N, C-alpha and C. Protein backbone atom coordinates (compact mmCIF):
# COMPACT_ATOMS: atom_id res chain seq x y z
N UNK A 1 48.60 -157.47 182.01
CA UNK A 1 48.44 -156.59 183.15
C UNK A 1 47.22 -157.05 183.94
N UNK A 2 47.34 -157.03 185.26
CA UNK A 2 46.26 -157.38 186.16
C UNK A 2 46.16 -156.30 187.22
N UNK A 3 44.95 -155.84 187.49
CA UNK A 3 44.75 -154.84 188.55
C UNK A 3 44.15 -155.53 189.76
N UNK A 4 44.71 -155.21 190.93
CA UNK A 4 44.24 -155.79 192.18
C UNK A 4 43.72 -154.69 193.09
N UNK A 5 42.64 -155.00 193.80
CA UNK A 5 42.09 -154.07 194.79
C UNK A 5 41.81 -154.88 196.04
N UNK A 6 42.41 -154.48 197.14
CA UNK A 6 42.14 -155.10 198.42
C UNK A 6 41.21 -154.20 199.21
N UNK A 7 40.23 -154.78 199.86
CA UNK A 7 39.27 -154.02 200.66
C UNK A 7 39.10 -154.72 202.00
N UNK A 8 39.11 -153.96 203.07
CA UNK A 8 38.94 -154.53 204.40
C UNK A 8 38.32 -153.54 205.36
N UNK A 9 37.97 -154.05 206.53
CA UNK A 9 37.34 -153.21 207.55
C UNK A 9 38.35 -152.46 208.40
N UNK A 10 39.61 -152.89 208.38
CA UNK A 10 40.65 -152.17 209.11
C UNK A 10 41.87 -151.99 208.21
N UNK A 11 42.65 -150.96 208.48
CA UNK A 11 43.87 -150.72 207.72
C UNK A 11 44.86 -151.86 207.93
N UNK A 12 44.92 -152.38 209.15
CA UNK A 12 45.84 -153.47 209.46
C UNK A 12 45.50 -154.73 208.66
N UNK A 13 44.22 -155.01 208.52
CA UNK A 13 43.76 -156.17 207.75
C UNK A 13 44.21 -156.06 206.28
N UNK A 14 44.04 -154.90 205.70
CA UNK A 14 44.41 -154.69 204.30
C UNK A 14 45.93 -154.78 204.14
N UNK A 15 46.68 -154.17 205.03
CA UNK A 15 48.15 -154.20 204.97
C UNK A 15 48.66 -155.63 205.12
N UNK A 16 48.07 -156.41 206.03
CA UNK A 16 48.49 -157.79 206.24
C UNK A 16 48.24 -158.62 204.97
N UNK A 17 47.11 -158.42 204.32
CA UNK A 17 46.81 -159.17 203.11
C UNK A 17 47.74 -158.77 201.97
N UNK A 18 48.03 -157.47 201.84
CA UNK A 18 48.97 -157.02 200.81
C UNK A 18 50.34 -157.64 201.03
N UNK A 19 50.80 -157.66 202.27
CA UNK A 19 52.10 -158.27 202.58
C UNK A 19 52.11 -159.76 202.25
N UNK A 20 51.01 -160.44 202.56
CA UNK A 20 50.91 -161.88 202.28
C UNK A 20 50.95 -162.15 200.78
N UNK A 21 50.18 -161.39 200.01
CA UNK A 21 50.17 -161.58 198.56
C UNK A 21 51.54 -161.30 197.97
N UNK A 22 52.19 -160.21 198.41
CA UNK A 22 53.51 -159.87 197.89
C UNK A 22 54.54 -160.95 198.21
N UNK A 23 54.36 -161.66 199.33
CA UNK A 23 55.34 -162.67 199.73
C UNK A 23 55.24 -163.95 198.91
N UNK A 24 54.12 -164.22 198.26
CA UNK A 24 53.97 -165.46 197.51
C UNK A 24 54.15 -165.30 196.00
N UNK A 25 54.12 -164.09 195.48
CA UNK A 25 54.30 -163.88 194.05
C UNK A 25 55.79 -163.85 193.71
N UNK A 26 56.18 -164.40 192.57
CA UNK A 26 57.59 -164.45 192.21
C UNK A 26 58.15 -163.14 191.65
N UNK A 27 57.35 -162.09 191.63
CA UNK A 27 57.82 -160.79 191.14
C UNK A 27 57.16 -159.69 191.97
N UNK A 28 57.73 -158.51 191.90
CA UNK A 28 57.27 -157.38 192.71
C UNK A 28 55.88 -156.93 192.30
N UNK A 29 55.04 -156.63 193.30
CA UNK A 29 53.70 -156.13 193.02
C UNK A 29 53.60 -154.65 193.38
N UNK A 30 53.96 -154.29 194.59
CA UNK A 30 53.95 -152.89 195.00
C UNK A 30 52.56 -152.32 195.22
N UNK A 31 51.87 -152.77 196.26
CA UNK A 31 50.56 -152.22 196.59
C UNK A 31 50.70 -150.76 197.03
N UNK A 32 49.67 -149.97 196.76
CA UNK A 32 49.65 -148.58 197.20
C UNK A 32 49.50 -148.55 198.73
N UNK A 33 49.86 -147.43 199.36
CA UNK A 33 49.60 -147.30 200.79
C UNK A 33 48.10 -147.47 201.05
N UNK A 34 47.76 -148.00 202.21
CA UNK A 34 46.35 -148.21 202.55
C UNK A 34 45.65 -146.86 202.64
N UNK A 35 44.47 -146.79 202.02
CA UNK A 35 43.68 -145.55 201.99
C UNK A 35 42.34 -145.78 202.69
N UNK A 36 41.87 -144.77 203.36
CA UNK A 36 40.56 -144.83 203.99
C UNK A 36 39.49 -144.49 202.95
N UNK A 37 38.44 -145.31 202.88
CA UNK A 37 37.34 -145.05 201.95
C UNK A 37 36.60 -143.78 202.31
N UNK A 38 36.17 -143.01 201.31
CA UNK A 38 35.51 -141.73 201.56
C UNK A 38 34.16 -141.61 200.84
N UNK A 39 33.62 -142.70 200.29
CA UNK A 39 32.36 -142.65 199.57
C UNK A 39 31.22 -142.38 200.54
N UNK A 40 30.51 -141.24 200.40
CA UNK A 40 29.43 -140.91 201.35
C UNK A 40 28.27 -141.91 201.31
N UNK A 41 28.15 -142.66 200.24
CA UNK A 41 27.09 -143.66 200.14
C UNK A 41 27.26 -144.75 201.21
N UNK A 42 28.49 -144.96 201.66
CA UNK A 42 28.77 -146.00 202.64
C UNK A 42 29.09 -145.42 204.02
N UNK A 43 28.49 -144.30 204.34
CA UNK A 43 28.71 -143.66 205.64
C UNK A 43 28.38 -144.65 206.75
N UNK A 44 29.24 -144.72 207.73
CA UNK A 44 29.04 -145.62 208.85
C UNK A 44 29.58 -147.02 208.61
N UNK A 45 30.04 -147.30 207.40
CA UNK A 45 30.64 -148.59 207.07
C UNK A 45 32.10 -148.35 206.71
N UNK A 46 32.94 -148.26 207.70
CA UNK A 46 34.35 -147.94 207.46
C UNK A 46 35.02 -148.99 206.60
N UNK A 47 35.67 -148.56 205.53
CA UNK A 47 36.40 -149.46 204.64
C UNK A 47 37.78 -148.88 204.35
N UNK A 48 38.72 -149.76 204.13
CA UNK A 48 40.08 -149.38 203.77
C UNK A 48 40.47 -150.13 202.50
N UNK A 49 41.31 -149.50 201.66
CA UNK A 49 41.65 -150.05 200.36
C UNK A 49 43.14 -149.96 200.08
N UNK A 50 43.60 -150.84 199.21
CA UNK A 50 44.95 -150.78 198.66
C UNK A 50 44.86 -151.32 197.24
N UNK A 51 45.62 -150.72 196.33
CA UNK A 51 45.55 -151.07 194.91
C UNK A 51 46.93 -151.44 194.39
N UNK A 52 46.94 -152.25 193.34
CA UNK A 52 48.20 -152.60 192.67
C UNK A 52 47.91 -152.95 191.23
N UNK A 53 48.88 -152.70 190.38
CA UNK A 53 48.84 -153.16 188.99
C UNK A 53 50.02 -154.10 188.82
N UNK A 54 49.73 -155.31 188.36
CA UNK A 54 50.76 -156.34 188.21
C UNK A 54 51.06 -156.53 186.73
N UNK A 55 52.33 -156.51 186.41
CA UNK A 55 52.78 -156.77 185.04
C UNK A 55 53.61 -158.05 185.07
N UNK A 56 52.98 -159.20 184.77
CA UNK A 56 53.74 -160.46 184.80
C UNK A 56 54.91 -160.43 183.83
N UNK A 57 55.99 -161.09 184.21
CA UNK A 57 57.15 -161.20 183.33
C UNK A 57 56.73 -161.94 182.06
N UNK A 58 57.39 -161.66 180.96
CA UNK A 58 57.00 -162.27 179.68
C UNK A 58 57.18 -163.77 179.67
N UNK A 59 58.03 -164.31 180.54
CA UNK A 59 58.21 -165.77 180.59
C UNK A 59 57.32 -166.41 181.66
N UNK A 60 56.43 -165.64 182.25
CA UNK A 60 55.56 -166.14 183.30
C UNK A 60 54.47 -167.03 182.73
N UNK A 61 54.09 -168.07 183.46
CA UNK A 61 52.98 -168.92 183.03
C UNK A 61 51.66 -168.16 183.06
N UNK A 62 51.58 -167.08 183.83
CA UNK A 62 50.36 -166.27 183.87
C UNK A 62 50.13 -165.56 182.55
N UNK A 63 51.20 -165.25 181.85
CA UNK A 63 51.09 -164.53 180.58
C UNK A 63 50.37 -165.37 179.52
N UNK A 64 50.51 -166.69 179.60
CA UNK A 64 49.93 -167.57 178.59
C UNK A 64 48.67 -168.27 179.07
N UNK A 65 48.18 -167.93 180.23
CA UNK A 65 47.00 -168.59 180.79
C UNK A 65 45.74 -168.06 180.14
N UNK A 66 44.80 -168.94 179.86
CA UNK A 66 43.53 -168.52 179.26
C UNK A 66 42.43 -168.39 180.29
N UNK A 67 42.73 -168.62 181.56
CA UNK A 67 41.71 -168.51 182.61
C UNK A 67 41.80 -167.20 183.32
């Protein structure tokens, strides 16, 4: 299992990157809808996020990788 978090300054930027990543992987990833960051510590620094959990297929080369 691998967890992915995309972070960007605009919702469009995050969505574009999620679409790009999903298009190159040989299996479904399914990023969450883009969310607006709400951490008050970063007030004035608008951030957007999207998350995914990837479960590589058992025959995937990623499953046996040590890196």
